[in-house]
Amino acid sequence: METVVFVGSLFIVVYLFILQPNQIKGASMEPTFYNGNYIFTSKVTYKMRNPQRGDVVVFHSPRNPDIEYIKRVIGLPGDTILIENQQVYVNGQKIDEPYISAATTLIPGNFVQEGVPIEVPEDHYFVMGDNRPRSSDSREFGPIPVSSIVGQVFFRYFPTDALGPVDNPFDEDARSAALVLMAVR
């Protein structure tokens, strides 16, 4: 009985303060994640550092805090975001987005408008899904406050054929390490 209580207590502490499992629901992050994928979200990463461009994050929906969304960080506090001709520009530079499934579209009447730059406020992040036509994100509801971020997605554990860490495509150190590994093979 002591072992069961200890293991149960340990599980609760890990779940509440360190990491939580999440299931992908919907198509907004395809082709990075598909409906039914299972991931781990680190709740401690952003206690040690700020979110970085390219991180995949879980956060509470601005419209319903009981719902959690998963999106990619595109803009950091102070960045200027511009979407023009289906391309995303951050601080005047077009960003390379090999992870998206389709061009970045806009819907008239939403937060972001074609050719109109917006500045990401302090303590906020601009996030978008990788499947732009199927994603409800900052283009629709604006930048999200850092306080709504649950954590960083760092590992996919199901399906097993896609098991592994979730990389940040903008992280030069991770990209360099991957290139070295590919060269060794």
Protein backbone atom coordinates (compact mmCIF):
# COMPACT_ATOMS: atom_id res chain seq x y z
CA MET A 1 0.00 0.00 0.00
CA GLU A 2 2.88 2.41 0.80
CA THR A 3 4.36 1.77 -2.65
CA VAL A 4 1.04 2.51 -4.37
CA VAL A 5 0.63 5.78 -2.41
CA PHE A 6 4.25 6.78 -3.13
CA VAL A 7 3.97 6.05 -6.87
CA GLY A 8 0.58 7.81 -7.04
CA SER A 9 1.98 10.86 -5.23
CA LEU A 10 5.02 10.93 -7.50
CA PHE A 11 2.79 10.76 -10.59
CA ILE A 12 0.64 13.65 -9.34
CA VAL A 13 3.68 15.84 -8.63
CA VAL A 14 5.17 15.11 -12.07
CA TYR A 15 1.84 15.77 -13.81
CA LEU A 16 1.10 19.01 -11.95
CA PHE A 17 4.55 20.60 -11.98
CA ILE A 18 6.91 18.96 -14.48
CA LEU A 19 5.24 17.52 -17.58
CA GLN A 20 1.88 16.54 -18.90
CA PRO A 21 0.78 14.26 -21.72
CA ASN A 22 -1.43 15.75 -24.44
CA GLN A 23 -3.30 14.28 -27.37
CA ILE A 24 -3.39 16.12 -30.69
CA LYS A 25 -6.98 16.82 -31.69
CA GLY A 26 -7.57 18.19 -35.16
CA ALA A 27 -5.47 19.00 -38.20
CA SER A 28 -4.05 22.44 -37.29
CA MET A 29 -0.47 21.20 -36.82
CA GLU A 30 -0.19 18.88 -39.84
CA PRO A 31 2.29 17.76 -41.14
CA THR A 32 4.24 18.09 -37.86
CA PHE A 33 1.56 16.37 -35.77
CA TYR A 34 -1.52 14.45 -36.84
CA ASN A 35 -4.85 13.91 -35.13
CA GLY A 36 -4.40 11.25 -32.46
CA ASN A 37 -0.66 11.80 -31.89
CA TYR A 38 0.41 11.84 -28.24
CA ILE A 39 3.00 14.29 -26.96
CA PHE A 40 4.69 15.35 -23.73
CA THR A 41 4.62 19.00 -22.72
CA SER A 42 7.32 20.35 -20.39
CA LYS A 43 5.93 22.68 -17.74
CA VAL A 44 9.39 23.65 -16.43
CA THR A 45 11.18 24.77 -19.61
CA TYR A 46 9.73 28.29 -19.54
CA LYS A 47 10.51 28.72 -15.86
CA MET A 48 14.19 28.58 -16.91
CA ARG A 49 14.01 30.45 -20.25
CA ASN A 50 11.57 32.36 -22.45
CA PRO A 51 9.81 30.76 -25.42
CA GLN A 52 11.84 30.93 -28.62
CA ARG A 53 10.76 31.36 -32.22
CA GLY A 54 9.97 27.91 -33.60
CA ASP A 55 9.06 26.31 -30.26
CA VAL A 56 5.83 24.31 -30.30
CA VAL A 57 3.74 25.31 -27.29
CA VAL A 58 0.54 24.26 -25.55
CA PHE A 59 -1.54 27.18 -24.24
CA HIS A 60 -5.02 27.97 -22.99
CA SER A 61 -7.33 29.26 -25.70
CA PRO A 62 -7.94 33.03 -25.43
CA ARG A 63 -11.65 32.43 -26.01
CA ASN A 64 -12.12 29.44 -23.68
CA PRO A 65 -9.39 28.81 -21.07
CA ASP A 66 -10.70 25.26 -20.52
CA ILE A 67 -9.44 24.34 -24.02
CA GLU A 68 -5.75 23.89 -24.77
CA TYR A 69 -4.29 24.68 -28.20
CA ILE A 70 -0.99 23.58 -29.69
CA LYS A 71 0.78 26.00 -32.05
CA ARG A 72 4.25 27.15 -33.12
CA VAL A 73 5.80 30.40 -31.82
CA ILE A 74 6.40 32.74 -34.76
CA GLY A 75 6.74 36.16 -33.11
CA LEU A 76 8.42 37.18 -29.85
CA PRO A 77 7.67 40.25 -27.70
CA GLY A 78 8.63 43.39 -29.63
CA ASP A 79 8.69 41.64 -33.03
CA THR A 80 6.82 43.14 -35.98
CA ILE A 81 4.77 40.55 -37.89
CA LEU A 82 3.60 41.15 -41.45
CA ILE A 83 1.69 38.71 -43.65
CA GLU A 84 1.67 39.69 -47.29
CA ASN A 85 1.10 37.61 -50.44
CA GLN A 86 0.76 34.49 -48.26
CA GLN A 87 4.28 34.98 -46.84
CA VAL A 88 5.20 35.67 -43.22
CA TYR A 89 7.71 38.41 -42.41
CA VAL A 90 9.22 38.92 -38.96
CA ASN A 91 10.99 42.25 -38.44
CA GLY A 92 11.07 42.80 -42.20
CA GLN A 93 12.62 39.41 -43.01
CA LYS A 94 10.68 36.66 -44.78
CA ILE A 95 10.94 33.53 -42.66
CA ASP A 96 11.65 30.10 -44.11
CA GLU A 97 8.94 27.71 -42.92
CA PRO A 98 9.66 24.18 -44.17
CA TYR A 99 7.24 22.76 -41.58
CA ILE A 100 4.01 24.29 -43.01
CA SER A 101 1.63 22.33 -45.22
CA ALA A 102 0.16 25.25 -47.20
CA ALA A 103 0.64 28.97 -47.74
CA THR A 104 -0.37 31.42 -45.02
CA THR A 105 -3.86 32.66 -45.75
CA LEU A 106 -5.84 35.41 -44.03
CA ILE A 107 -9.55 35.87 -43.43
CA PRO A 108 -10.94 39.43 -43.69
CA GLY A 109 -12.18 40.74 -40.34
CA ASN A 110 -9.72 38.76 -38.22
CA PHE A 111 -6.95 40.28 -36.08
CA VAL A 112 -4.25 40.21 -38.78
CA GLN A 113 -4.96 41.88 -42.12
CA GLU A 114 -3.13 41.54 -45.42
CA GLY A 115 -0.13 43.89 -45.58
CA VAL A 116 -0.79 45.48 -42.17
CA PRO A 117 2.13 45.03 -39.74
CA ILE A 118 1.42 44.31 -36.09
CA GLU A 119 3.80 44.59 -33.16
CA VAL A 120 3.80 41.77 -30.62
CA PRO A 121 3.24 43.37 -27.17
CA GLU A 122 5.50 42.80 -24.20
CA ASP A 123 4.85 39.44 -22.48
CA HIS A 124 2.96 38.13 -25.54
CA TYR A 125 3.75 35.69 -28.36
CA PHE A 126 2.45 35.37 -31.90
CA VAL A 127 1.59 31.73 -32.64
CA MET A 128 0.39 29.87 -35.72
CA GLY A 129 -0.46 26.30 -36.63
CA ASP A 130 1.60 24.49 -39.24
CA ASN A 131 -1.54 23.74 -41.29
CA ARG A 132 -2.41 27.38 -41.91
CA PRO A 133 -5.76 26.88 -43.71
CA ARG A 134 -7.02 24.69 -40.83
CA SER A 135 -5.67 26.61 -37.82
CA SER A 136 -7.30 29.00 -35.39
CA ASP A 137 -4.33 31.03 -34.18
CA SER A 138 -2.89 34.53 -33.65
CA ARG A 139 -4.01 35.56 -37.13
CA GLU A 140 -7.54 35.25 -35.77
CA PHE A 141 -7.29 36.20 -32.07
CA GLY A 142 -3.99 38.10 -31.81
CA PRO A 143 -0.86 37.43 -29.77
CA ILE A 144 -1.25 35.27 -26.66
CA PRO A 145 -0.08 36.31 -23.18
CA VAL A 146 2.85 34.36 -21.75
CA SER A 147 0.66 33.60 -18.72
CA SER A 148 -1.57 31.39 -20.92
CA ILE A 149 1.30 29.13 -22.00
CA VAL A 150 1.19 25.70 -20.32
CA GLY A 151 4.56 24.56 -21.66
CA GLN A 152 6.80 23.48 -24.51
CA VAL A 153 6.08 20.35 -26.54
CA PHE A 154 9.32 18.39 -26.43
CA PHE A 155 8.55 14.72 -27.21
CA ARG A 156 6.11 12.65 -29.28
CA TYR A 157 5.49 9.20 -27.82
CA PHE A 158 2.74 7.91 -30.11
CA PRO A 159 2.60 6.68 -32.80
CA THR A 160 5.76 4.70 -32.16
CA ASP A 161 7.01 5.07 -35.75
CA ALA A 162 7.21 8.85 -35.13
CA LEU A 163 8.56 8.53 -31.56
CA GLY A 164 11.18 11.12 -30.66
CA PRO A 165 12.03 14.68 -29.68
CA VAL A 166 10.26 17.66 -31.21
CA ASP A 167 12.90 19.90 -32.77
CA ASN A 168 12.84 23.66 -33.20
CA PRO A 169 13.58 24.43 -36.88
CA PHE A 170 15.02 27.83 -35.93
CA ASP A 171 17.44 26.42 -33.33
CA GLU A 172 20.87 26.65 -34.98
CA ASP A 173 22.53 24.34 -32.41
CA ALA A 174 19.95 21.59 -32.99
CA ARG A 175 20.18 22.00 -36.78
CA SER A 176 23.98 21.86 -36.67
CA ALA A 177 23.88 18.70 -34.55
CA ALA A 178 21.41 17.08 -36.97
CA LEU A 179 23.65 17.93 -39.95
CA VAL A 180 26.67 16.41 -38.19
CA LEU A 181 24.69 13.22 -37.46
CA MET A 182 23.55 12.99 -41.09
CA ALA A 183 27.15 13.48 -42.29
CA VAL A 184 28.35 10.65 -40.01
CA ARG A 185 25.76 8.24 -41.45
